[in-house]
Amino acid sequence: MNFSLFDDIIIEFAGEGNPMDDNKEKDVFTTNADGRIRNQKRNPRLNNNYYKWGLTVFLTFLACMFAFYILFYNAQLRAGINRINKILSPVYVGFIIAYLFSPLLNMLENKVMYPLYKKIKFIKDENKMPLARGTSIIVIIIFSFFLVYAIVQIMLKQVIPSLLSIVSNISIYLDNLTKWANKLLQDNPDLNSFVMKDLNRFSDDIELWVNEKFRSVTANVVTSLSQGFLEFLLKLWNFIIGFIISIYVLWSKERHVARSKKIVYATFSRETANAIVEAFRYTHRTFIGFFFGKIVDSIIIGLICFIGCTIMQIPYAILISIIVGVTNIIPFFGPYFGAIPSTILIFAFDPLHPGKALAFMIFIVILQQFDGNWLGPRILSTSTGLSGFWIIFSITLFGGLFKVFGMVIGVPVFAVLYAGFRQFNRNRLKKKGYPYKTNDYMDVGTINEDGTVNPIPPVEKRPQKEGFISAMITRNKNKKDKKSQDK
């Protein structure tokens, strides 16, 4: 008896009625008992030219309607998109938190928890990895609570009182600068009167600006706390929901990545899907290596700066250390952004004794050299692959577009764009059979059809006309030689 009929399961996706009715044309997928497709009979209607033309016209009509709606009803479209983004904001927050915590989770799970559970004999092998993942997530939750608590305590007990002290004593600091300038220029009365006039006007403007800004900021904060308390609670609730979502995302992050890959390979061709997956993998390595490494690096630099400022008894040590650590996240320009205002603040505190400001400048220079040459390369897991020129270019471009946020994300974003353009350029050159390395084009004059390179031809030296002075010298020399020969 032949049981091959029971090995095939006929799954029909269109139409109703008798599944074995041959008069109806439909897509039929023949699969075995494991669900694998054995053969596929395409619907002949799909190969009809009229069907293709009709589908093309229909899709074109939909695209035109969508473009018309965007052009003339973009306000409603933006309102709808903003409403969707507002609803999904906890999900966005959860994915961002999970993405930032994923390197910490991998480190705890692979280097601490899983090796620890491997040594415990009474736990089954299949349960060790889930236990390591769960324990690592619990550690991250506890670490997050302590981090938030520490930030709030530092802000309430150190940063805000330091800022209030600076604002309340701004007139004293400006008077100190005036006395220092007066003492420095006391031997030159004309220059002293000129500088003191501008310095007094500058001091009055600074004091007025600080007082107005501080009062306006304080009024805005009080108004926001009184009128927008519900909105603050809503944002806090969204953050809490996002943090809970991040825990679920971290627990099954590999499955989320696997589902995304499955969608990519199901949608695109194999070559395109491979390129997309590799591009996302490179983007992930660049972003997570840069941001996670920079955050850890900036925390270490801030702690070292706090220790050094405490030893040197520099005023506002915690505030200055926070400024130096936070601005260190910005590549290249960050250390200057943090060091310059901190030095001015230290000098204004006691301008008659500038030793502390000078010591702080020397300390910051040494600290940045230590960070750039030793600490940074060991913490940052991957290099961006950009030269110094492109780093300055990316910071300038994205900083002009998106301010401080652009300066922070400019380098990794431009690194990804640069790598994509470089790979596209290489692929085009490889298809043409041309050399694709930059060093190969250093001495390229022309390239032949077969891809061989002709070097730059040497420049022919033209005979130079003798100048007037050199001609006179040569003529006198010839006359002397002729006279010597005659004698």
Protein backbone atom coordinates (compact mmCIF):
# COMPACT_ATOMS: atom_id res chain seq x y z
CA MET A 1 0.00 0.00 0.00
CA ASN A 2 1.36 3.41 -1.01
CA PHE A 3 1.30 5.99 1.81
CA SER A 4 2.97 8.78 -0.17
CA LEU A 5 -0.34 10.61 -0.23
CA PHE A 6 -0.19 11.00 3.55
CA ASP A 7 3.33 12.50 3.35
CA ASP A 8 2.11 15.49 1.36
CA ILE A 9 -0.03 18.22 2.88
CA ILE A 10 -1.80 20.49 0.42
CA ILE A 11 -2.07 24.06 1.72
CA GLU A 12 -4.21 26.38 -0.36
CA PHE A 13 -4.08 30.16 0.04
CA ALA A 14 -6.85 31.30 -2.31
CA GLY A 15 -10.46 30.38 -2.99
CA GLU A 16 -12.94 28.09 -1.30
CA GLY A 17 -14.59 24.84 -2.22
CA ASN A 18 -13.00 21.58 -3.25
CA PRO A 19 -9.22 21.72 -2.70
CA MET A 20 -8.61 19.30 -5.54
CA ASP A 21 -10.72 21.23 -8.06
CA ASP A 22 -8.45 21.65 -11.12
CA ASN A 23 -10.76 24.17 -12.76
CA LYS A 24 -9.76 26.84 -10.25
CA GLU A 25 -6.35 28.41 -10.71
CA LYS A 26 -4.65 29.09 -7.43
CA ASP A 27 -1.28 29.01 -5.69
CA VAL A 28 -0.67 25.51 -4.39
CA PHE A 29 2.27 24.77 -2.08
CA THR A 30 3.05 21.08 -1.63
CA THR A 31 4.83 20.41 1.64
CA ASN A 32 5.92 17.31 3.46
CA ALA A 33 5.16 16.40 7.05
CA ASP A 34 7.96 18.71 8.33
CA GLY A 35 6.39 21.69 6.61
CA ARG A 36 9.10 22.04 3.94
CA ILE A 37 7.96 23.18 0.49
CA ARG A 38 8.59 20.52 -2.19
CA ASN A 39 7.30 22.28 -5.26
CA GLN A 40 5.32 25.32 -6.15
CA LYS A 41 2.82 25.79 -8.97
CA ARG A 42 2.54 29.44 -9.85
CA ASN A 43 -0.78 30.95 -10.78
CA PRO A 44 -0.78 31.55 -14.57
CA ARG A 45 -2.72 34.77 -14.04
CA LEU A 46 0.34 36.27 -12.34
CA ASN A 47 2.30 35.96 -15.59
CA ASN A 48 -0.40 37.77 -17.55
CA ASN A 49 0.78 41.11 -18.99
CA TYR A 50 -2.61 42.72 -18.38
CA TYR A 51 -2.39 41.73 -14.74
CA LYS A 52 1.11 43.23 -14.43
CA TRP A 53 0.06 46.46 -16.14
CA GLY A 54 -3.02 46.73 -13.94
CA LEU A 55 -0.99 46.15 -10.79
CA THR A 56 1.54 48.77 -11.92
CA VAL A 57 -1.18 51.35 -12.58
CA PHE A 58 -2.81 50.61 -9.22
CA LEU A 59 0.46 50.99 -7.27
CA THR A 60 1.29 54.17 -9.19
CA PHE A 61 -2.14 55.58 -8.32
CA LEU A 62 -1.57 54.76 -4.64
CA ALA A 63 1.86 56.42 -4.73
CA CYS A 64 0.38 59.57 -6.34
CA MET A 65 -2.39 59.71 -3.75
CA PHE A 66 0.15 59.32 -0.96
CA ALA A 67 2.34 62.09 -2.41
CA PHE A 68 -0.72 64.35 -2.80
CA TYR A 69 -1.69 63.71 0.80
CA ILE A 70 1.84 64.51 2.00
CA LEU A 71 1.98 67.77 0.00
CA PHE A 72 -1.43 69.17 0.88
CA TYR A 73 -2.36 67.46 4.14
CA ASN A 74 1.06 67.25 5.76
CA ALA A 75 -0.15 68.93 8.96
CA GLN A 76 -2.62 66.11 9.61
CA LEU A 77 0.05 63.58 8.68
CA ARG A 78 2.55 65.12 11.08
CA ALA A 79 -0.08 65.25 13.79
CA GLY A 80 -0.84 61.57 13.28
CA ILE A 81 2.85 60.63 13.31
CA ASN A 82 3.44 62.70 16.46
CA ARG A 83 0.49 61.02 18.15
CA ILE A 84 1.84 57.57 17.27
CA ASN A 85 5.31 58.55 18.50
CA LYS A 86 3.83 59.86 21.74
CA ILE A 87 2.00 56.59 22.29
CA LEU A 88 5.08 54.51 21.49
CA SER A 89 7.52 56.72 23.41
CA PRO A 90 7.87 54.16 26.28
CA VAL A 91 8.80 51.54 23.69
CA TYR A 92 11.44 53.83 22.19
CA VAL A 93 12.84 54.57 25.64
CA GLY A 94 12.91 50.84 26.42
CA PHE A 95 14.83 49.98 23.25
CA ILE A 96 17.35 52.79 23.87
CA ILE A 97 17.94 51.69 27.47
CA ALA A 98 18.27 48.05 26.42
CA TYR A 99 20.71 48.98 23.65
CA LEU A 100 22.91 50.99 26.01
CA PHE A 101 22.87 48.26 28.66
CA SER A 102 23.52 45.37 26.24
CA PRO A 103 27.37 45.60 26.47
CA LEU A 104 27.16 45.57 30.27
CA LEU A 105 24.80 42.58 30.12
CA ASN A 106 27.12 40.68 27.77
CA MET A 107 30.11 41.36 30.02
CA LEU A 108 28.33 40.25 33.20
CA GLU A 109 26.78 37.21 31.58
CA ASN A 110 29.79 35.87 29.68
CA LYS A 111 32.63 36.81 32.02
CA VAL A 112 31.09 36.66 35.50
CA MET A 113 27.75 34.89 35.90
CA TYR A 114 27.97 32.02 33.42
CA PRO A 115 31.49 30.93 34.48
CA LEU A 116 30.26 31.08 38.07
CA TYR A 117 27.22 28.90 37.35
CA LYS A 118 29.36 26.44 35.37
CA LYS A 119 31.21 25.61 38.58
CA ILE A 120 27.96 24.70 40.38
CA LYS A 121 27.39 20.98 39.74
CA PHE A 122 23.79 20.50 40.94
CA ILE A 123 22.36 22.95 38.37
CA LYS A 124 21.47 21.42 35.03
CA ASP A 125 23.46 22.62 32.02
CA GLU A 126 20.38 23.83 30.15
CA ASN A 127 19.42 26.04 33.10
CA LYS A 128 22.81 27.71 33.60
CA MET A 129 22.56 30.19 30.75
CA PRO A 130 19.01 31.41 31.67
CA LEU A 131 20.11 31.77 35.29
CA ALA A 132 23.16 33.74 34.20
CA ARG A 133 20.99 36.02 32.05
CA GLY A 134 18.45 36.58 34.84
CA THR A 135 21.10 37.25 37.47
CA SER A 136 22.88 39.70 35.17
CA ILE A 137 19.64 41.59 34.54
CA ILE A 138 18.99 41.79 38.30
CA VAL A 139 22.47 43.21 38.81
CA ILE A 140 21.81 45.80 36.07
CA ILE A 141 18.50 46.79 37.73
CA ILE A 142 20.21 47.28 41.09
CA PHE A 143 23.03 49.21 39.43
CA SER A 144 20.50 51.45 37.66
CA PHE A 145 18.72 52.31 40.91
CA PHE A 146 22.00 53.15 42.63
CA LEU A 147 23.09 55.22 39.62
CA VAL A 148 19.89 57.27 39.61
CA TYR A 149 20.09 57.73 43.38
CA ALA A 150 23.73 58.87 43.16
CA ILE A 151 22.96 61.35 40.38
CA VAL A 152 20.04 62.85 42.31
CA GLN A 153 22.10 63.13 45.49
CA ILE A 154 25.03 64.78 43.68
CA MET A 155 22.71 67.22 41.95
CA LEU A 156 20.86 68.18 45.14
CA LYS A 157 23.81 68.32 47.53
CA GLN A 158 26.72 69.44 45.35
CA VAL A 159 25.91 70.74 41.86
CA ILE A 160 22.89 72.94 42.62
CA PRO A 161 24.48 74.52 45.76
CA SER A 162 27.67 75.19 43.76
CA LEU A 163 25.68 76.90 41.00
CA LEU A 164 23.76 78.96 43.56
CA SER A 165 27.03 79.95 45.20
CA ILE A 166 28.50 81.04 41.86
CA VAL A 167 25.43 83.13 41.02
CA SER A 168 25.30 84.76 44.45
CA ASN A 169 29.02 85.54 44.45
CA ILE A 170 29.33 86.63 40.82
CA SER A 171 29.78 90.26 41.87
CA ILE A 172 32.64 89.27 44.20
CA TYR A 173 34.37 87.33 41.44
CA LEU A 174 34.05 90.25 39.03
CA ASP A 175 35.44 92.62 41.67
CA ASN A 176 38.38 90.24 42.11
CA LEU A 177 39.07 90.38 38.38
CA THR A 178 38.87 94.18 38.47
CA LYS A 179 41.36 94.39 41.34
CA TRP A 180 43.71 91.98 39.56
CA ALA A 181 43.60 94.03 36.33
CA ASN A 182 44.09 97.27 38.30
CA LYS A 183 47.12 95.88 40.08
CA LEU A 184 48.58 94.48 36.87
CA LEU A 185 48.28 97.77 34.97
CA GLN A 186 49.04 100.24 37.75
CA ASP A 187 52.32 101.25 36.12
CA ASN A 188 50.52 102.38 32.95
CA PRO A 189 47.72 104.81 33.91
CA ASP A 190 46.45 105.45 30.36
CA LEU A 191 46.08 101.76 29.56
CA ASN A 192 44.72 101.16 33.05
CA SER A 193 41.89 103.68 32.63
CA PHE A 194 41.02 102.27 29.20
CA VAL A 195 40.97 98.64 30.38
CA MET A 196 39.16 99.40 33.62
CA LYS A 197 36.43 101.28 31.79
CA ASP A 198 35.71 98.34 29.50
CA LEU A 199 36.15 95.84 32.31
CA ASN A 200 33.63 97.62 34.53
CA ARG A 201 31.12 97.73 31.71
CA PHE A 202 31.76 94.07 30.98
CA SER A 203 31.34 93.19 34.67
CA ASP A 204 28.02 95.03 34.85
CA ASP A 205 26.76 93.26 31.73
CA ILE A 206 27.84 89.85 33.04
CA GLU A 207 26.25 90.44 36.43
CA LEU A 208 23.00 91.63 34.86
CA TRP A 209 22.91 88.71 32.44
CA VAL A 210 23.55 86.11 35.15
CA ASN A 211 20.91 87.54 37.45
CA GLU A 212 18.30 87.81 34.70
CA LYS A 213 19.04 84.34 33.35
CA PHE A 214 19.04 82.76 36.77
CA ARG A 215 15.79 84.42 37.75
CA SER A 216 14.15 83.48 34.46
CA VAL A 217 15.32 79.88 34.76
CA THR A 218 14.13 79.73 38.38
CA ALA A 219 10.75 81.20 37.39
CA ASN A 220 10.44 78.72 34.53
CA VAL A 221 11.28 75.81 36.80
CA VAL A 222 8.73 76.91 39.40
CA THR A 223 6.10 77.44 36.69
CA SER A 224 6.83 74.06 35.16
CA LEU A 225 6.63 72.31 38.50
CA SER A 226 3.36 74.01 39.39
CA GLN A 227 1.61 73.88 36.01
CA GLY A 228 3.21 70.84 34.40
CA PHE A 229 3.30 68.49 37.34
CA LEU A 230 1.00 66.02 35.60
CA GLU A 231 3.13 66.15 32.47
CA PHE A 232 6.21 65.48 34.58
CA LEU A 233 4.49 62.49 36.16
CA LEU A 234 3.51 61.28 32.68
CA LYS A 235 7.11 61.47 31.46
CA LEU A 236 8.31 59.75 34.60
CA TRP A 237 5.71 57.03 34.08
CA ASN A 238 6.81 56.61 30.44
CA PHE A 239 10.40 56.24 31.62
CA ILE A 240 9.39 53.61 34.18
CA ILE A 241 7.40 51.69 31.54
CA GLY A 242 10.34 52.01 29.15
CA PHE A 243 12.70 50.62 31.78
CA ILE A 244 10.39 47.64 32.30
CA ILE A 245 10.22 47.10 28.53
CA SER A 246 14.03 47.21 28.38
CA ILE A 247 14.18 44.28 30.82
CA TYR A 248 12.03 42.15 28.50
CA VAL A 249 14.09 43.25 25.50
CA LEU A 250 17.35 42.35 27.27
CA TRP A 251 15.99 38.96 28.29
CA SER A 252 15.27 37.91 24.68
CA LYS A 253 17.52 40.25 22.69
CA GLU A 254 18.92 37.43 20.55
CA ARG A 255 15.44 36.39 19.44
CA HIS A 256 14.56 39.98 18.50
CA VAL A 257 17.70 40.18 16.37
CA ALA A 258 16.93 36.78 14.83
CA ARG A 259 13.38 37.87 13.92
CA SER A 260 14.74 41.02 12.29
CA LYS A 261 17.20 38.98 10.23
CA LYS A 262 14.42 36.59 9.22
CA ILE A 263 12.30 39.50 7.95
CA VAL A 264 15.26 40.91 6.00
CA TYR A 265 16.06 37.58 4.32
CA ALA A 266 12.40 36.97 3.58
CA THR A 267 11.98 40.40 1.98
CA PHE A 268 15.16 40.91 -0.05
CA SER A 269 17.38 38.78 -2.22
CA ARG A 270 20.24 36.89 -0.62
CA GLU A 271 22.94 39.33 -1.78
CA THR A 272 20.94 42.38 -0.68
CA ALA A 273 20.02 40.77 2.64
CA ASN A 274 23.66 39.89 3.33
CA ALA A 275 24.67 43.48 2.60
CA ILE A 276 21.93 44.88 4.89
CA VAL A 277 22.81 42.54 7.76
CA GLU A 278 26.51 43.33 7.44
CA ALA A 279 25.78 47.07 7.32
CA PHE A 280 23.68 46.89 10.50
CA ARG A 281 26.35 44.77 12.18
CA TYR A 282 29.03 47.35 11.36
CA THR A 283 26.74 50.18 12.52
CA HIS A 284 26.10 48.38 15.79
CA ARG A 285 29.81 47.79 16.40
CA THR A 286 30.65 51.41 15.64
CA PHE A 287 27.89 52.96 17.76
CA ILE A 288 28.02 50.67 20.77
CA GLY A 289 31.82 50.64 20.81
CA PHE A 290 31.97 54.42 20.62
CA PHE A 291 29.19 55.35 23.06
CA PHE A 292 29.80 52.67 25.68
CA GLY A 293 33.55 53.24 25.55
CA LYS A 294 33.17 57.02 25.71
CA ILE A 295 30.78 56.84 28.67
CA VAL A 296 33.13 54.60 30.65
CA ASP A 297 36.12 56.71 29.63
CA SER A 298 34.38 59.95 30.67
CA ILE A 299 33.39 58.50 34.06
CA ILE A 300 36.99 57.49 34.76
CA ILE A 301 38.30 60.90 33.64
CA GLY A 302 35.73 62.65 35.85
CA LEU A 303 36.76 60.58 38.87
CA ILE A 304 40.46 61.22 38.28
CA CYS A 305 39.72 64.94 37.85
CA PHE A 306 37.79 64.99 41.13
CA ILE A 307 40.65 63.29 42.98
CA GLY A 308 43.19 65.71 41.50
CA CYS A 309 41.06 68.79 42.25
CA THR A 310 40.51 67.61 45.82
CA ILE A 311 44.24 67.11 46.38
CA MET A 312 45.02 70.57 44.93
CA GLN A 313 42.15 72.08 47.00
CA ILE A 314 40.52 73.62 43.94
CA PRO A 315 37.11 75.25 44.61
CA TYR A 316 33.95 73.63 43.23
CA ALA A 317 35.78 70.32 42.73
CA ILE A 318 32.67 68.22 42.06
CA LEU A 319 31.11 70.74 39.65
CA ILE A 320 34.37 71.10 37.70
CA SER A 321 34.86 67.32 37.60
CA ILE A 322 31.33 66.85 36.23
CA ILE A 323 31.93 69.51 33.58
CA VAL A 324 35.22 67.88 32.53
CA GLY A 325 33.73 64.37 32.50
CA VAL A 326 30.57 65.28 30.57
CA THR A 327 32.35 67.36 27.93
CA ASN A 328 34.89 64.56 27.48
CA ILE A 329 32.18 62.61 25.62
CA ILE A 330 32.55 65.07 22.73
CA PRO A 331 35.58 64.00 20.68
CA PHE A 332 38.46 66.36 20.00
CA PHE A 333 36.79 69.61 21.18
CA GLY A 334 35.30 68.22 24.40
CA PRO A 335 38.37 68.62 26.64
CA TYR A 336 38.68 72.29 25.63
CA PHE A 337 34.97 72.91 26.24
CA GLY A 338 35.37 71.61 29.77
CA ALA A 339 38.79 73.01 30.65
CA ILE A 340 38.38 76.62 29.50
CA PRO A 341 35.30 77.63 31.59
CA SER A 342 36.60 75.65 34.57
CA THR A 343 39.93 77.50 34.44
CA ILE A 344 38.14 80.85 34.21
CA LEU A 345 35.97 79.93 37.20
CA ILE A 346 39.00 78.92 39.30
CA PHE A 347 40.88 82.07 38.33
CA ALA A 348 37.90 84.31 39.09
CA PHE A 349 37.60 82.73 42.54
CA ASP A 350 41.01 84.15 43.53
CA PRO A 351 42.73 86.08 40.71
CA LEU A 352 45.40 87.55 43.06
CA HIS A 353 46.75 83.98 43.49
CA PRO A 354 46.58 82.38 40.01
CA GLY A 355 48.63 79.34 41.04
CA LYS A 356 45.59 77.10 41.36
CA ALA A 357 44.30 78.01 37.91
CA LEU A 358 47.74 77.38 36.41
CA ALA A 359 48.07 74.07 38.28
CA PHE A 360 44.63 73.04 37.06
CA MET A 361 45.55 73.81 33.43
CA ILE A 362 48.72 71.72 33.70
CA PHE A 363 46.77 68.92 35.38
CA ILE A 364 44.10 68.92 32.62
CA VAL A 365 46.76 68.82 29.88
CA ILE A 366 48.43 65.82 31.53
CA LEU A 367 45.05 64.16 32.09
CA GLN A 368 44.01 64.58 28.46
CA GLN A 369 47.33 63.22 27.23
CA PHE A 370 46.84 60.22 29.51
CA ASP A 371 43.31 59.77 28.17
CA GLY A 372 44.17 60.18 24.51
CA ASN A 373 47.32 58.06 24.43
CA TRP A 374 46.69 55.34 26.99
CA LEU A 375 43.22 55.13 28.58
CA GLY A 376 41.03 55.87 25.54
CA PRO A 377 42.60 53.32 23.15
CA ARG A 378 42.27 50.58 25.78
CA ILE A 379 38.62 51.30 26.61
CA LEU A 380 37.23 52.01 23.15
CA SER A 381 36.63 48.57 21.68
CA THR A 382 36.55 49.65 18.04
CA SER A 383 38.06 52.52 16.12
CA THR A 384 35.87 54.75 14.00
CA GLY A 385 38.31 54.51 11.12
CA LEU A 386 38.32 58.29 10.62
CA SER A 387 41.35 60.51 10.37
CA GLY A 388 41.69 63.70 12.40
CA PHE A 389 40.43 65.83 9.53
CA TRP A 390 37.21 63.83 9.13
CA ILE A 391 36.61 63.85 12.91
CA ILE A 392 36.83 67.66 12.97
CA PHE A 393 34.66 67.83 9.84
CA SER A 394 31.94 65.57 11.30
CA ILE A 395 31.87 67.43 14.63
CA THR A 396 31.65 70.78 12.85
CA LEU A 397 28.91 69.62 10.46
CA PHE A 398 26.66 67.79 12.92
CA GLY A 399 27.34 70.35 15.66
CA GLY A 400 26.10 73.10 13.34
CA LEU A 401 23.01 71.05 12.47
CA PHE A 402 22.06 69.59 15.85
CA LYS A 403 24.08 71.64 18.40
CA VAL A 404 25.57 69.68 21.32
CA PHE A 405 23.65 66.49 20.49
CA GLY A 406 25.10 66.60 16.98
CA MET A 407 28.63 66.98 18.35
CA VAL A 408 28.12 63.83 20.43
CA ILE A 409 26.67 61.61 17.68
CA GLY A 410 28.50 63.23 14.76
CA VAL A 411 31.59 61.01 14.77
CA PRO A 412 29.88 57.56 14.82
CA VAL A 413 27.19 58.64 12.34
CA PHE A 414 29.74 60.04 9.92
CA ALA A 415 31.92 56.95 10.42
CA VAL A 416 29.05 54.72 9.28
CA LEU A 417 28.30 56.96 6.28
CA TYR A 418 31.99 57.11 5.40
CA ALA A 419 32.34 53.33 5.61
CA GLY A 420 29.26 52.82 3.42
CA PHE A 421 30.50 55.21 0.76
CA ARG A 422 33.96 53.63 0.89
CA GLN A 423 32.53 50.13 0.41
CA PHE A 424 30.29 51.34 -2.44
CA ASN A 425 33.31 52.96 -4.11
CA ARG A 426 35.37 49.79 -3.71
CA ASN A 427 32.65 47.60 -5.20
CA ARG A 428 32.34 49.88 -8.21
CA LEU A 429 36.10 49.84 -8.78
CA LYS A 430 36.24 46.05 -8.41
CA LYS A 431 33.50 45.61 -11.02
CA LYS A 432 35.48 47.78 -13.42
CA GLY A 433 38.67 45.85 -12.69
CA TYR A 434 40.47 48.90 -11.34
CA PRO A 435 42.61 49.04 -8.19
CA TYR A 436 40.54 49.95 -5.15
CA LYS A 437 43.14 50.82 -2.50
CA THR A 438 43.87 54.50 -1.92
CA ASN A 439 47.63 53.96 -1.94
CA ASP A 440 47.36 52.54 -5.46
CA TYR A 441 46.22 55.95 -6.70
CA MET A 442 49.12 57.92 -5.27
CA ASP A 443 51.15 57.71 -8.49
CA VAL A 444 48.33 57.05 -10.99
CA GLY A 445 48.67 58.99 -14.22
CA THR A 446 46.10 57.07 -16.26
CA ILE A 447 44.40 53.66 -16.11
CA ASN A 448 44.22 51.35 -19.12
CA GLU A 449 41.20 49.31 -20.17
CA ASP A 450 42.64 46.13 -18.63
CA GLY A 451 43.03 47.88 -15.23
CA THR A 452 46.78 48.38 -15.38
CA VAL A 453 48.11 51.66 -14.07
CA ASN A 454 50.32 54.10 -15.92
CA PRO A 455 52.46 56.22 -13.60
CA ILE A 456 52.50 60.00 -13.65
CA PRO A 457 54.81 61.06 -16.51
CA PRO A 458 57.82 63.12 -15.46
CA VAL A 459 57.62 66.84 -16.08
CA GLU A 460 59.92 67.98 -18.85
CA LYS A 461 62.29 70.71 -17.70
CA ARG A 462 62.30 73.69 -20.00
CA PRO A 463 65.56 75.55 -20.55
CA GLN A 464 65.53 78.61 -18.36
CA LYS A 465 66.73 81.95 -19.60
CA GLU A 466 69.69 83.35 -17.75
CA GLY A 467 68.86 86.35 -15.61
CA PHE A 468 70.42 89.76 -16.00
CA ILE A 469 72.59 89.58 -12.87
CA SER A 470 73.78 86.04 -13.53
CA ALA A 471 74.55 87.02 -17.15
CA MET A 472 76.67 89.94 -15.98
CA ILE A 473 78.53 87.69 -13.52
CA THR A 474 79.15 85.09 -16.22
CA ARG A 475 80.36 87.77 -18.67
CA ASN A 476 82.80 89.22 -16.15
CA LYS A 477 84.05 85.77 -15.32
CA ASN A 478 84.64 85.01 -18.99
CA LYS A 479 86.54 88.28 -19.43
CA LYS A 480 88.80 87.47 -16.47
CA ASP A 481 89.44 83.99 -17.82
CA LYS A 482 90.28 85.42 -21.26
CA LYS A 483 92.72 87.95 -19.76
CA SER A 484 94.41 85.27 -17.71
CA GLN A 485 94.83 83.14 -20.84
CA ASP A 486 96.31 86.07 -22.79
CA LYS A 487 98.93 86.66 -20.09
